[in-house]
Protein backbone atom coordinates (compact mmCIF):
# COMPACT_ATOMS: atom_id res chain seq x y z
CA MET A 1 75.91 -16.14 24.50
CA GLN A 2 77.85 -15.84 21.22
CA SER A 3 75.83 -18.70 19.71
CA GLU A 4 72.58 -16.92 20.63
CA LYS A 5 73.87 -13.72 19.02
CA ASN A 6 74.79 -15.60 15.85
CA SER A 7 71.42 -17.37 15.76
CA PHE A 8 69.57 -14.05 16.12
CA PHE A 9 71.64 -12.50 13.33
CA GLU A 10 71.06 -15.43 11.00
CA ARG A 11 67.28 -15.27 11.51
CA TYR A 12 66.72 -11.50 11.63
CA GLY A 13 69.82 -9.97 10.03
CA PRO A 14 71.66 -8.53 8.30
CA TRP A 15 69.45 -5.41 8.35
CA ALA A 16 66.73 -4.23 10.74
CA LEU A 17 64.40 -1.29 10.25
CA ILE A 18 63.11 0.65 13.24
CA ALA A 19 60.30 3.15 12.70
CA GLY A 20 60.40 5.69 15.51
CA ALA A 21 64.02 5.25 16.56
CA SER A 22 65.19 8.68 17.72
CA GLU A 23 64.47 8.27 21.42
CA GLY A 24 62.93 6.11 24.12
CA ILE A 25 62.14 2.48 23.35
CA GLY A 26 63.10 2.84 19.68
CA LYS A 27 66.55 4.09 20.61
CA SER A 28 66.95 1.16 23.01
CA PHE A 29 66.00 -1.25 20.23
CA ALA A 30 68.63 0.34 17.98
CA GLU A 31 71.36 0.01 20.60
CA GLN A 32 70.53 -3.61 21.41
CA LEU A 33 70.26 -4.67 17.77
CA ALA A 34 73.55 -2.98 16.94
CA ALA A 35 75.12 -4.88 19.83
CA ARG A 36 73.88 -8.09 18.17
CA GLY A 37 75.68 -7.11 14.97
CA LEU A 38 72.71 -6.01 12.84
CA ASN A 39 72.90 -3.10 10.43
CA LEU A 40 70.16 -0.55 10.97
CA ILE A 41 67.72 1.60 9.05
CA LEU A 42 66.38 4.26 11.40
CA LEU A 43 63.24 6.27 10.64
CA SER A 44 62.05 9.38 12.44
CA ARG A 45 61.13 12.98 11.77
CA ASN A 46 63.96 14.05 14.10
CA VAL A 47 66.91 13.64 11.75
CA GLU A 48 69.34 15.37 14.11
CA ALA A 49 68.66 12.87 16.87
CA LEU A 50 68.94 10.00 14.37
CA THR A 51 72.27 11.27 13.07
CA ALA A 52 73.70 11.53 16.57
CA LEU A 53 72.47 8.03 17.42
CA ALA A 54 73.88 6.61 14.20
CA HIS A 55 77.32 8.12 14.87
CA ASP A 56 77.33 6.66 18.38
CA LEU A 57 76.31 3.18 17.21
CA GLN A 58 78.78 3.15 14.35
CA THR A 59 81.56 4.16 16.72
CA ARG A 60 80.73 1.60 19.40
CA TYR A 61 79.64 -1.38 17.30
CA ARG A 62 81.15 -0.80 13.85
CA THR A 63 77.74 -1.42 12.34
CA GLU A 64 76.27 0.26 9.29
CA VAL A 65 73.43 2.69 9.99
CA GLN A 66 71.17 4.50 7.54
CA CYS A 67 69.04 7.42 8.74
CA HIS A 68 65.92 8.64 6.97
CA ALA A 69 63.76 11.62 7.92
CA VAL A 70 60.31 10.13 7.34
CA ASP A 71 56.91 11.40 8.45
CA LEU A 72 55.02 8.20 9.22
CA THR A 73 51.73 10.09 8.90
CA GLY A 74 52.56 11.48 5.47
CA ASP A 75 50.61 10.79 2.28
CA ASP A 76 53.85 9.75 0.58
CA LEU A 77 54.76 7.07 3.14
CA GLU A 78 54.27 4.15 0.75
CA SER A 79 56.64 5.55 -1.88
CA ARG A 80 59.14 6.62 0.75
CA ILE A 81 59.31 3.11 2.23
CA ASP A 82 59.78 1.61 -1.23
CA LYS A 83 62.87 3.76 -1.71
CA VAL A 84 64.21 3.13 1.81
CA ILE A 85 64.17 -0.66 1.56
CA GLU A 86 65.16 -0.95 -2.10
CA ASN A 87 68.05 -3.41 -2.53
CA ILE A 88 68.26 -4.00 1.25
CA ASP A 89 68.29 -7.55 2.66
CA LEU A 90 65.93 -6.64 5.47
CA GLY A 91 65.29 -9.26 8.11
CA LEU A 92 63.44 -7.40 10.86
CA MET A 93 60.95 -4.55 11.07
CA ILE A 94 60.00 -2.89 14.35
CA TYR A 95 57.19 -0.34 14.22
CA ASN A 96 57.71 1.62 17.41
CA ALA A 97 56.18 4.97 16.50
CA GLY A 98 53.11 6.22 18.31
CA GLY A 99 54.20 7.16 21.82
CA SER A 100 54.08 10.83 20.91
CA SER A 101 50.63 10.49 19.35
CA MET A 102 48.69 10.44 22.60
CA VAL A 103 46.21 13.31 22.62
CA ALA A 104 45.34 13.35 26.31
CA ASP A 105 41.96 15.01 26.70
CA LEU A 106 38.29 14.20 26.49
CA PHE A 107 37.53 12.84 23.02
CA LEU A 108 35.06 15.58 22.08
CA ASP A 109 37.47 18.28 23.23
CA CYS A 110 40.37 17.06 21.07
CA PRO A 111 40.98 18.74 17.71
CA LEU A 112 39.82 16.38 14.98
CA SER A 113 43.09 16.95 13.12
CA ASP A 114 45.04 15.58 16.09
CA LEU A 115 42.80 12.53 16.32
CA ARG A 116 43.26 11.85 12.61
CA ARG A 117 47.03 12.10 12.98
CA THR A 118 46.94 9.50 15.74
CA VAL A 119 44.98 7.15 13.49
CA ARG A 120 47.47 7.65 10.65
CA LEU A 121 50.47 7.07 12.90
CA ASN A 122 49.15 4.02 14.76
CA CYS A 123 47.04 2.39 12.02
CA HIS A 124 47.98 3.67 8.58
CA GLY A 125 51.73 3.56 9.32
CA PRO A 126 51.98 -0.04 10.53
CA LEU A 127 49.57 -1.12 7.79
CA ILE A 128 51.92 0.16 5.07
CA LEU A 129 55.18 -1.04 6.62
CA ALA A 130 53.81 -4.47 7.54
CA HIS A 131 52.42 -4.93 4.02
CA LYS A 132 55.54 -3.74 2.20
CA ILE A 133 58.13 -5.44 4.38
CA GLY A 134 55.99 -8.49 5.06
CA GLN A 135 56.00 -9.32 1.34
CA HIS A 136 59.81 -9.22 1.32
CA LEU A 137 60.08 -11.39 4.43
CA ARG A 138 57.61 -13.97 3.13
CA GLN A 139 59.61 -14.35 -0.07
CA ARG A 140 62.87 -14.43 1.93
CA GLY A 141 61.60 -17.28 4.09
CA HIS A 142 62.65 -15.97 7.50
CA GLY A 143 62.67 -12.78 9.53
CA GLY A 144 60.47 -10.89 11.95
CA ILE A 145 57.88 -8.15 12.39
CA MET A 146 57.29 -6.47 15.73
CA LEU A 147 54.47 -3.98 16.25
CA ILE A 148 54.80 -1.96 19.45
CA SER A 149 51.39 -1.36 21.00
CA ALA A 150 50.40 -0.55 24.56
CA LEU A 151 48.41 -1.87 27.50
CA SER A 152 45.90 0.79 26.45
CA ALA A 153 44.96 -1.58 23.63
CA PHE A 154 43.15 -3.90 26.02
CA GLY A 155 40.22 -1.56 26.64
CA GLY A 156 38.70 1.87 26.33
CA THR A 157 39.94 4.54 28.71
CA ALA A 158 38.74 8.09 29.31
CA TYR A 159 41.05 10.91 28.16
CA VAL A 160 42.86 8.59 25.72
CA ALA A 161 39.89 6.93 23.98
CA ASN A 162 41.16 7.37 20.42
CA TYR A 163 44.72 6.41 21.31
CA CYS A 164 43.50 3.17 22.93
CA ALA A 165 41.45 2.30 19.86
CA THR A 166 44.40 2.79 17.50
CA LYS A 167 46.70 0.73 19.69
CA SER A 168 44.17 -2.13 19.56
CA TYR A 169 44.56 -2.13 15.78
CA GLU A 170 48.28 -2.85 16.09
CA LEU A 171 47.76 -5.80 18.41
CA VAL A 172 45.00 -7.36 16.32
CA LEU A 173 46.98 -6.85 13.10
CA ALA A 174 50.01 -8.56 14.65
CA GLN A 175 47.92 -11.56 15.68
CA GLY A 176 46.50 -12.01 12.20
CA LEU A 177 49.92 -11.67 10.59
CA TRP A 178 51.35 -14.19 13.04
CA ALA A 179 48.79 -16.72 11.84
CA GLU A 180 49.44 -15.96 8.17
CA LEU A 181 53.25 -15.75 8.15
CA ARG A 182 54.51 -18.30 10.66
CA GLY A 183 54.33 -21.04 8.06
CA TYR A 184 56.76 -19.02 5.93
CA GLY A 185 59.30 -18.76 8.75
CA VAL A 186 58.42 -15.16 9.63
CA ASP A 187 57.93 -14.37 13.32
CA VAL A 188 55.34 -11.73 14.21
CA VAL A 189 54.59 -10.34 17.65
CA GLY A 190 52.49 -7.50 18.98
CA VAL A 191 54.07 -6.01 22.09
CA ALA A 192 51.74 -4.35 24.60
CA VAL A 193 53.97 -1.95 26.50
CA GLY A 194 52.97 -0.60 29.89
CA ALA A 195 54.13 2.56 31.63
CA THR A 196 57.64 3.32 30.40
CA ILE A 197 59.90 6.22 31.24
CA THR A 198 60.48 7.90 27.88
CA PRO A 199 60.82 11.49 26.64
CA ALA A 200 57.40 11.13 25.00
CA ALA A 201 55.83 10.18 28.35
CA VAL A 202 57.46 13.19 29.97
CA ARG A 203 56.14 15.50 27.25
CA ALA A 204 52.66 14.02 27.68
CA GLY A 205 52.82 14.91 31.38
CA MET A 206 52.43 11.33 32.60
CA GLY A 207 53.01 11.26 36.34
CA PHE A 208 54.99 8.02 36.36
CA ALA A 209 57.58 9.58 34.01
CA THR A 210 58.10 12.75 36.00
CA GLN A 211 58.29 11.32 39.53
CA GLN A 212 61.58 10.10 40.92
CA ASN A 213 59.89 7.14 42.61
CA THR A 214 58.52 5.13 39.71
CA GLN A 215 57.03 2.36 41.82
CA ASP A 216 53.34 2.68 42.59
CA SER A 217 50.85 0.54 44.45
CA ASN A 218 48.77 0.38 41.26
CA PRO A 219 50.34 -2.34 39.06
CA LEU A 220 49.24 -0.55 35.89
CA VAL A 221 51.52 2.44 36.57
CA GLN A 222 54.76 0.81 37.67
CA ALA A 223 57.13 2.26 35.10
CA MET A 224 59.79 0.28 33.27
CA THR A 225 62.90 1.63 31.55
CA SER A 226 63.16 1.68 27.78
CA ASP A 227 66.12 -0.68 27.88
CA ALA A 228 64.19 -3.26 29.91
CA VAL A 229 61.20 -3.12 27.55
CA ALA A 230 63.37 -3.55 24.46
CA SER A 231 65.36 -6.39 25.98
CA GLU A 232 62.28 -8.38 26.98
CA ALA A 233 60.55 -7.73 23.65
CA LEU A 234 63.51 -8.93 21.58
CA ALA A 235 63.73 -12.08 23.70
CA ALA A 236 60.04 -12.74 22.92
CA LEU A 237 60.26 -12.07 19.18
CA SER A 238 59.89 -15.73 18.22
CA LYS A 239 57.21 -16.43 20.84
CA GLY A 240 54.33 -14.38 19.37
CA PRO A 241 51.61 -13.43 18.74
CA LEU A 242 51.37 -11.30 21.90
CA PHE A 243 53.88 -10.26 24.51
CA ILE A 244 53.55 -7.98 27.53
CA PRO A 245 56.87 -6.77 29.00
CA GLY A 246 57.04 -6.70 32.79
CA GLU A 247 55.62 -9.31 35.15
CA HIS A 248 53.63 -6.60 36.96
CA ASN A 249 52.02 -5.59 33.65
CA ARG A 250 51.09 -9.18 32.84
CA MET A 251 49.53 -9.56 36.28
CA GLY A 252 47.65 -6.28 35.91
CA VAL A 253 46.10 -7.30 32.60
CA GLU A 254 45.11 -10.69 33.99
CA GLN A 255 43.47 -9.09 37.01
CA LEU A 256 41.47 -6.62 34.92
CA GLN A 257 40.21 -9.44 32.70
CA GLN A 258 38.65 -11.08 35.76
CA ILE A 259 36.39 -8.16 36.70
CA PRO A 260 33.27 -6.70 34.99
CA LEU A 261 33.99 -4.61 31.91
CA GLU A 262 32.42 -1.47 33.37
CA THR A 263 34.59 -1.76 36.49
CA ALA A 264 37.74 -2.26 34.40
CA ILE A 265 36.98 0.84 32.32
CA GLU A 266 36.40 2.90 35.46
CA TYR A 267 39.62 1.60 36.99
CA ARG A 268 41.73 2.37 33.91
CA SER A 269 40.11 5.77 33.46
CA ALA A 270 40.70 6.78 37.08
CA GLY A 271 44.35 5.74 36.86
CA THR A 272 44.91 7.59 33.60
CA ALA A 273 43.22 10.74 34.90
CA SER A 274 45.45 10.63 37.97
CA GLN A 275 48.61 10.29 35.89
CA LEU A 276 47.55 13.17 33.64
CA GLY A 277 46.36 15.39 36.46
CA LYS A 278 42.83 15.35 35.04
CA GLN A 279 39.46 15.33 36.78
CA TRP A 280 37.81 11.98 37.54
CA PRO A 281 34.99 11.29 37.37
CA VAL A 282 34.45 13.71 34.50
CA LEU A 283 31.18 14.93 36.04
């Protein structure tokens, strides 16, 4: 166990950056990386939550933690990231933001400003961080990039059409970067997360996150904990380009790939509508 911890640190340490670290899966990543001895750079708009997390991690693991209040949809993101990573020997970047970007309504009924924000958070944000930090890692000769996507990336779904499209960008980007960077010793993986009990899921009104019994007969809505998702994803970091946490999620994706596209879209849309308490079919 100690040798595995040392090997992980040597490949991905001494510093890791987590974008979207104040709660949920990002917070779990921070805790598990701190336990492996990595120093952390935590990004979020919620600086109070970051500060509290940093104090807890520093107390428990004696690790160094930097907190930065950064709007990942902001026009100044590129310059902000330059300043954040300046003179830092960064070995790992996890882009986890986006769970709070789900605008759950019919596409034409969503405010265009909200849809644009989702695109900036799930496409523009990972584009900038992967480009900036990827250059450093390529020159360094080892390290890792993890882009947290969602099962939604595997196909269009009513009520979350734009969100699904943006999450597809993250998965496809990760696959291309995996092909380009593996020869330089840089591991890249896109992680397609299924239903996970997080504060963002609760705020979005997802049924699986608000019910005490999280197990459901539908394999696409069996919820995992944030800790379980983070643990499985870190274990798969060197096994890219794609990883799906949860055996039930992997089975669900495989099953949907075996049926006609129209049927799969209907199935996903009906399940999403049920979780959101929305009408299905729409008409």
